[in-house]
């Protein structure tokens, strides 16, 4: 057994939670003797102001997972298309809601969106799920293609659900949320757990037209978001400097990693965020790294990726160096065979 473990499977901000959260942590517990606001009014207001949307277009939830389940609930017995590869919980939530689920598979190694292939199919469906930046590839889809998909879905009377859980990590933090005012069939999912490194608190939200929010909210249990999460969320929204620092750090580490992989002749996905896929057709890298205490994310449950790629988070410099040394040793071993 290795003496220590480095977990590259979780795509969490390597800088950890914002300092203000750590400094005020004990103070958050003053409110735990009372029920939290079931409507999350203060956090909803802060999100609405930040996104330049009305409060009626915002719904706060217990992490992105609850938001996905709630969206699936309004699609009960409907027909849904999921653009793959994608987060497995879209399918799980939709199947639990009794949806008929179909898939549209993107092609490696660029995994870009070919809307022309999708358009003839859209009228068959009540909703399309799209994750951009994509999980697990880290690829941000070409914006013109996504815009075309949104427009074509409106013509087809089909909801389009865009998961932006990792948009904060991109260099310009591009979002499709402003389009909600023009396209009432557009839903945008967000997670606050990744960029702010608070997965244990569970916090996310949905942005959509007010009638959709009202319908989705009717399925949401009262008090699903705890008081500590609500307080932390309000502070996190003010942490612009922290987000900028994170982006700069992630981009600098990615440049080192990209240069290393290029020089070593290893294929990786064209990721825009804090994780990426690394190709391993021999299926030998995963066990090789595990023996050395380095834990990648396998992709056996991502259709179209089929285990031939491994997903790695971008972590702090020391951990990234350990990973590069592990991959270097793996390549030497392969060359010696």
Protein backbone atom coordinates (compact mmCIF):
# COMPACT_ATOMS: atom_id res chain seq x y z
CA UNK A 1 0.00 0.00 0.00
CA UNK A 2 1.26 3.52 -0.78
CA UNK A 3 2.21 5.69 2.18
CA UNK A 4 -0.06 8.56 1.10
CA UNK A 5 -2.96 9.18 -1.27
CA UNK A 6 -3.40 12.06 -3.74
CA UNK A 7 -6.97 12.21 -5.02
CA UNK A 8 -7.20 13.58 -8.57
CA UNK A 9 -10.75 12.30 -9.04
CA UNK A 10 -12.58 15.23 -7.37
CA UNK A 11 -12.77 18.48 -9.38
CA UNK A 12 -12.62 20.87 -6.42
CA UNK A 13 -10.77 24.20 -6.25
CA UNK A 14 -7.22 23.34 -5.05
CA UNK A 15 -6.99 26.67 -3.20
CA UNK A 16 -9.63 25.52 -0.73
CA UNK A 17 -12.56 27.65 0.53
CA UNK A 18 -12.21 31.45 0.60
CA UNK A 19 -10.32 32.75 3.65
CA UNK A 20 -13.37 34.70 4.86
CA UNK A 21 -15.28 31.42 5.20
CA UNK A 22 -12.56 29.97 7.41
CA UNK A 23 -12.31 33.15 9.50
CA UNK A 24 -16.04 33.32 10.16
CA UNK A 25 -16.73 29.60 10.41
CA UNK A 26 -17.61 29.46 14.12
CA UNK A 27 -19.96 32.42 13.74
CA UNK A 28 -22.11 30.59 11.20
CA UNK A 29 -23.32 28.23 13.90
CA UNK A 30 -25.15 30.97 15.79
CA UNK A 31 -28.11 30.39 13.49
CA UNK A 32 -28.32 26.59 13.58
CA UNK A 33 -30.83 26.59 16.45
CA UNK A 34 -33.37 28.13 14.07
CA UNK A 35 -34.90 26.85 10.85
CA UNK A 36 -33.27 28.26 7.73
CA UNK A 37 -35.25 30.49 5.39
CA UNK A 38 -37.14 27.98 3.20
CA UNK A 39 -37.14 30.48 0.34
CA UNK A 40 -33.47 31.51 0.69
CA UNK A 41 -34.55 35.12 0.09
CA UNK A 42 -31.25 36.87 0.87
CA UNK A 43 -29.11 34.48 -1.18
CA UNK A 44 -31.66 34.49 -4.00
CA UNK A 45 -31.58 38.29 -4.05
CA UNK A 46 -27.76 38.32 -4.16
CA UNK A 47 -27.67 35.82 -7.04
CA UNK A 48 -30.36 37.73 -8.95
CA UNK A 49 -28.43 40.99 -8.62
CA UNK A 50 -25.21 39.35 -9.75
CA UNK A 51 -26.88 37.75 -12.79
CA UNK A 52 -29.03 40.81 -13.62
CA UNK A 53 -32.16 38.67 -13.44
CA UNK A 54 -35.37 39.02 -11.40
CA UNK A 55 -35.52 37.08 -8.15
CA UNK A 56 -38.35 35.04 -9.64
CA UNK A 57 -35.83 33.58 -12.09
CA UNK A 58 -33.61 32.09 -9.35
CA UNK A 59 -34.06 28.92 -7.29
CA UNK A 60 -31.46 27.95 -4.66
CA UNK A 61 -31.00 24.25 -3.97
CA UNK A 62 -29.05 21.68 -1.97
CA UNK A 63 -26.20 21.38 -4.48
CA UNK A 64 -26.37 20.80 -8.20
CA UNK A 65 -27.63 17.27 -7.55
CA UNK A 66 -30.88 18.49 -6.00
CA UNK A 67 -31.39 20.98 -8.83
CA UNK A 68 -30.96 18.18 -11.40
CA UNK A 69 -33.50 16.02 -9.53
CA UNK A 70 -35.97 18.91 -9.36
CA UNK A 71 -35.65 19.66 -13.08
CA UNK A 72 -36.17 15.97 -13.87
CA UNK A 73 -39.32 16.05 -11.71
CA UNK A 74 -41.03 18.50 -14.07
CA UNK A 75 -40.24 16.15 -16.96
CA UNK A 76 -42.04 13.11 -15.54
CA UNK A 77 -43.00 10.65 -18.30
CA UNK A 78 -41.52 12.97 -20.94
CA UNK A 79 -38.90 12.19 -23.56
CA UNK A 80 -35.39 13.52 -22.85
CA UNK A 81 -32.18 13.71 -24.90
CA UNK A 82 -28.81 13.78 -23.10
CA UNK A 83 -25.74 14.92 -25.03
CA UNK A 84 -22.92 12.52 -24.11
CA UNK A 85 -20.40 12.19 -22.58
CA UNK A 86 -22.08 13.77 -19.58
CA UNK A 87 -22.56 13.72 -15.84
CA UNK A 88 -24.29 10.41 -15.00
CA UNK A 89 -26.83 12.05 -12.67
CA UNK A 90 -28.82 13.52 -15.58
CA UNK A 91 -29.76 10.02 -16.69
CA UNK A 92 -30.29 8.75 -13.14
CA UNK A 93 -32.58 11.64 -12.24
CA UNK A 94 -34.58 11.41 -15.47
CA UNK A 95 -35.04 7.66 -15.18
CA UNK A 96 -36.18 8.08 -11.57
CA UNK A 97 -38.78 10.57 -12.85
CA UNK A 98 -40.06 8.02 -15.37
CA UNK A 99 -38.61 9.77 -18.40
CA UNK A 100 -37.77 8.03 -21.65
CA UNK A 101 -34.06 8.81 -22.10
CA UNK A 102 -32.13 8.88 -25.38
CA UNK A 103 -28.55 9.94 -26.08
CA UNK A 104 -26.57 11.91 -28.64
CA UNK A 105 -22.93 10.87 -28.62
CA UNK A 106 -20.13 13.37 -29.32
CA UNK A 107 -16.97 12.12 -30.99
CA UNK A 108 -13.48 12.01 -29.49
CA UNK A 109 -10.98 13.54 -29.37
CA UNK A 110 -12.45 17.04 -29.77
CA UNK A 111 -16.00 16.28 -28.52
CA UNK A 112 -17.46 19.33 -30.23
CA UNK A 113 -21.14 19.93 -30.86
CA UNK A 114 -22.47 19.30 -34.38
CA UNK A 115 -25.90 20.93 -34.20
CA UNK A 116 -26.78 19.91 -37.75
CA UNK A 117 -26.90 16.30 -36.57
CA UNK A 118 -29.21 17.25 -33.71
CA UNK A 119 -31.76 19.49 -35.42
CA UNK A 120 -33.77 16.71 -37.13
CA UNK A 121 -34.20 14.98 -33.75
CA UNK A 122 -35.25 17.90 -31.54
CA UNK A 123 -39.01 17.72 -32.15
CA UNK A 124 -38.97 14.20 -30.74
CA UNK A 125 -38.01 15.49 -27.27
CA UNK A 126 -39.36 17.59 -24.44
CA UNK A 127 -35.91 18.49 -23.09
CA UNK A 128 -32.22 18.36 -23.99
CA UNK A 129 -29.46 18.22 -21.37
CA UNK A 130 -26.09 19.79 -22.23
CA UNK A 131 -23.10 20.25 -19.92
CA UNK A 132 -20.70 23.04 -20.90
CA UNK A 133 -17.91 23.22 -19.90
CA UNK A 134 -18.35 19.51 -20.31
CA UNK A 135 -17.86 16.92 -17.60
CA UNK A 136 -15.81 14.73 -18.05
CA UNK A 137 -13.86 16.22 -20.98
CA UNK A 138 -13.44 19.79 -19.70
CA UNK A 139 -14.22 21.03 -23.23
CA UNK A 140 -16.27 24.22 -23.66
CA UNK A 141 -18.50 23.86 -26.69
CA UNK A 142 -18.22 26.40 -29.49
CA UNK A 143 -20.54 29.24 -28.49
CA UNK A 144 -22.14 29.64 -31.89
CA UNK A 145 -23.12 25.98 -31.87
CA UNK A 146 -24.69 26.24 -28.42
CA UNK A 147 -26.55 29.39 -29.44
CA UNK A 148 -27.88 27.57 -32.50
CA UNK A 149 -28.99 24.66 -30.32
CA UNK A 150 -30.84 27.02 -27.96
CA UNK A 151 -32.57 28.69 -30.89
CA UNK A 152 -33.50 25.41 -32.56
CA UNK A 153 -34.84 23.99 -29.31
CA UNK A 154 -37.15 26.97 -29.00
CA UNK A 155 -38.49 26.35 -32.50
CA UNK A 156 -39.02 22.70 -31.56
CA UNK A 157 -40.80 23.60 -28.29
CA UNK A 158 -38.11 21.73 -26.39
CA UNK A 159 -36.53 22.78 -23.09
CA UNK A 160 -32.74 23.06 -23.11
CA UNK A 161 -31.01 22.47 -19.78
CA UNK A 162 -27.44 23.80 -19.69
CA UNK A 163 -25.27 22.74 -16.77
CA UNK A 164 -22.62 25.40 -16.05
CA UNK A 165 -21.22 23.80 -12.88
CA UNK A 166 -17.64 24.61 -13.95
CA UNK A 167 -18.09 27.86 -15.87
CA UNK A 168 -16.36 29.84 -13.08
CA UNK A 169 -13.06 28.12 -13.88
CA UNK A 170 -12.92 29.30 -17.51
CA UNK A 171 -10.75 32.31 -18.30
CA UNK A 172 -13.66 34.63 -19.14
CA UNK A 173 -16.42 32.86 -17.14
CA UNK A 174 -18.74 32.92 -20.15
CA UNK A 175 -22.36 32.08 -19.34
CA UNK A 176 -25.60 31.56 -21.26
CA UNK A 177 -27.68 32.88 -18.35
CA UNK A 178 -28.39 36.33 -19.93
CA UNK A 179 -30.24 34.54 -22.74
CA UNK A 180 -33.01 33.52 -20.34
CA UNK A 181 -34.73 36.86 -21.06
CA UNK A 182 -34.87 35.97 -24.77
CA UNK A 183 -35.40 32.22 -24.59
CA UNK A 184 -38.04 31.18 -22.01
CA UNK A 185 -37.30 27.49 -22.62
CA UNK A 186 -33.68 27.84 -21.37
CA UNK A 187 -32.65 26.55 -17.94
CA UNK A 188 -29.14 27.13 -16.55
CA UNK A 189 -27.80 25.00 -13.68
CA UNK A 190 -25.03 26.23 -11.40
CA UNK A 191 -22.99 24.68 -8.59
CA UNK A 192 -21.19 26.67 -5.90
CA UNK A 193 -19.43 23.63 -4.45
CA UNK A 194 -16.66 23.32 -7.05
CA UNK A 195 -15.28 26.85 -7.39
CA UNK A 196 -15.60 27.62 -3.66
CA UNK A 197 -14.42 24.16 -2.49
CA UNK A 198 -17.48 23.55 -0.28
CA UNK A 199 -18.87 20.21 -1.53
CA UNK A 200 -19.72 19.15 2.02
CA UNK A 201 -22.18 22.05 2.39
CA UNK A 202 -24.13 21.34 -0.83
CA UNK A 203 -25.17 24.55 -2.60
CA UNK A 204 -26.33 25.24 -6.13
CA UNK A 205 -29.02 27.12 -8.01
CA UNK A 206 -31.20 27.20 -11.10
CA UNK A 207 -31.70 30.19 -13.41
CA UNK A 208 -34.79 30.14 -15.63
CA UNK A 209 -37.95 31.95 -16.66
CA UNK A 210 -40.20 32.66 -13.64
CA UNK A 211 -42.96 30.18 -14.56
CA UNK A 212 -40.42 27.38 -14.88
CA UNK A 213 -38.89 28.33 -11.52
CA UNK A 214 -42.35 28.31 -9.94
CA UNK A 215 -43.07 24.83 -11.30
CA UNK A 216 -39.67 23.42 -10.29
CA UNK A 217 -39.96 24.97 -6.82
CA UNK A 218 -43.24 23.15 -6.21
CA UNK A 219 -41.26 19.89 -6.04
CA UNK A 220 -38.64 21.26 -3.64
CA UNK A 221 -38.92 20.31 0.05
CA UNK A 222 -38.88 23.10 2.62
CA UNK A 223 -35.57 23.74 4.37
CA UNK A 224 -33.54 21.63 1.96
CA UNK A 225 -30.70 24.20 2.16
CA UNK A 226 -29.25 24.54 5.65
CA UNK A 227 -28.53 27.82 7.42
CA UNK A 228 -24.75 27.49 7.27
CA UNK A 229 -24.85 26.94 3.50
CA UNK A 230 -27.06 30.02 3.05
CA UNK A 231 -24.65 32.21 5.04
CA UNK A 232 -21.58 30.82 3.27
CA UNK A 233 -23.24 31.29 -0.12
CA UNK A 234 -23.82 35.00 0.46
CA UNK A 235 -20.16 35.52 1.34
CA UNK A 236 -18.94 33.44 -1.60
CA UNK A 237 -20.80 35.62 -4.09
CA UNK A 238 -18.70 38.57 -2.92
CA UNK A 239 -15.38 36.76 -3.46
CA UNK A 240 -14.47 38.17 -6.88
CA UNK A 241 -10.76 38.44 -6.03
CA UNK A 242 -10.70 34.84 -4.86
CA UNK A 243 -12.31 33.68 -8.13
CA UNK A 244 -9.78 35.66 -10.18
CA UNK A 245 -6.92 34.17 -8.14
CA UNK A 246 -8.34 30.70 -8.74
CA UNK A 247 -8.57 31.20 -12.50
CA UNK A 248 -5.02 32.50 -12.71
CA UNK A 249 -3.71 29.60 -10.64
CA UNK A 250 -5.61 26.95 -12.61
CA UNK A 251 -4.48 28.40 -15.94
CA UNK A 252 -0.83 28.55 -14.85
CA UNK A 253 -0.88 24.93 -13.65
CA UNK A 254 -2.65 23.80 -16.82
CA UNK A 255 0.05 25.42 -18.95
CA UNK A 256 2.73 23.42 -17.12
CA UNK A 257 0.73 20.22 -17.41
CA UNK A 258 -0.04 20.79 -21.10
CA UNK A 259 3.61 21.44 -21.89
CA UNK A 260 4.62 18.30 -20.00
CA UNK A 261 2.08 16.07 -21.76
CA UNK A 262 2.95 17.53 -25.17
CA UNK A 263 6.66 16.85 -24.66
CA UNK A 264 5.89 13.33 -23.43
CA UNK A 265 3.59 12.59 -26.37
CA UNK A 266 0.53 11.99 -24.20
CA UNK A 267 -2.91 12.95 -25.57
CA UNK A 268 -5.15 15.07 -23.34
CA UNK A 269 -8.49 16.79 -23.94
CA UNK A 270 -8.63 20.47 -24.87
CA UNK A 271 -9.98 21.43 -21.47
CA UNK A 272 -10.91 25.00 -20.49
CA UNK A 273 -11.44 24.24 -16.79
CA UNK A 274 -9.87 22.60 -13.73
CA UNK A 275 -9.84 19.02 -15.02
CA UNK A 276 -9.02 17.16 -18.22
CA UNK A 277 -9.02 13.73 -19.83
CA UNK A 278 -5.82 11.80 -20.53
CA UNK A 279 -5.89 9.01 -23.10
CA UNK A 280 -4.70 5.54 -22.09
CA UNK A 281 -5.51 2.98 -24.78
CA UNK A 282 -3.40 0.37 -22.94
CA UNK A 283 -5.61 0.67 -19.82
CA UNK A 284 -2.41 0.40 -17.78
CA UNK A 285 -2.07 3.90 -16.34
CA UNK A 286 -4.91 3.63 -13.83
CA UNK A 287 -3.49 0.65 -11.87
CA UNK A 288 0.06 1.99 -12.28
CA UNK A 289 -0.87 5.27 -10.55
CA UNK A 290 -3.04 3.63 -7.89
CA UNK A 291 -0.06 1.59 -6.70
CA UNK A 292 1.75 4.89 -6.16
CA UNK A 293 -1.07 6.52 -4.22
CA UNK A 294 -2.31 8.67 -7.12
CA UNK A 295 -6.06 8.32 -7.71
CA UNK A 296 -7.48 9.34 -11.13
CA UNK A 297 -11.18 9.23 -12.04
CA UNK A 298 -11.96 6.26 -14.26
CA UNK A 299 -14.44 6.86 -17.11
CA UNK A 300 -16.07 3.44 -17.33
CA UNK A 301 -19.49 4.97 -16.65
CA UNK A 302 -19.18 7.76 -19.24
CA UNK A 303 -20.63 6.45 -22.54
CA UNK A 304 -18.38 7.15 -25.49
CA UNK A 305 -15.29 7.48 -23.29
CA UNK A 306 -15.36 3.82 -22.27
CA UNK A 307 -12.46 3.75 -19.86
CA UNK A 308 -9.85 4.59 -22.50
CA UNK A 309 -9.46 8.04 -20.97
CA UNK A 310 -8.80 9.01 -17.35
CA UNK A 311 -10.00 12.24 -15.76
CA UNK A 312 -7.62 14.28 -13.62
CA UNK A 313 -8.33 17.37 -11.55
CA UNK A 314 -5.86 20.25 -11.67
CA UNK A 315 -4.55 20.34 -8.11
CA UNK A 316 -1.87 22.32 -6.29
CA UNK A 317 1.66 22.49 -7.67
CA UNK A 318 3.11 19.78 -5.43
CA UNK A 319 0.37 17.28 -6.29
CA UNK A 320 0.59 18.09 -10.00
CA UNK A 321 4.34 17.50 -9.87
CA UNK A 322 3.74 14.12 -8.23
CA UNK A 323 1.30 13.22 -10.99
CA UNK A 324 3.70 14.26 -13.74
CA UNK A 325 6.44 12.12 -12.19
CA UNK A 326 4.04 9.19 -12.04
CA UNK A 327 3.08 9.58 -15.70
CA UNK A 328 6.75 9.95 -16.62
CA UNK A 329 7.57 6.65 -14.92
CA UNK A 330 4.61 4.99 -16.63
CA UNK A 331 5.84 6.11 -20.04
CA UNK A 332 9.36 4.85 -19.28
CA UNK A 333 7.94 1.48 -18.25
CA UNK A 334 5.98 1.26 -21.51
CA UNK A 335 9.03 2.18 -23.56
CA UNK A 336 11.07 -0.52 -21.83
CA UNK A 337 8.61 -3.29 -22.71
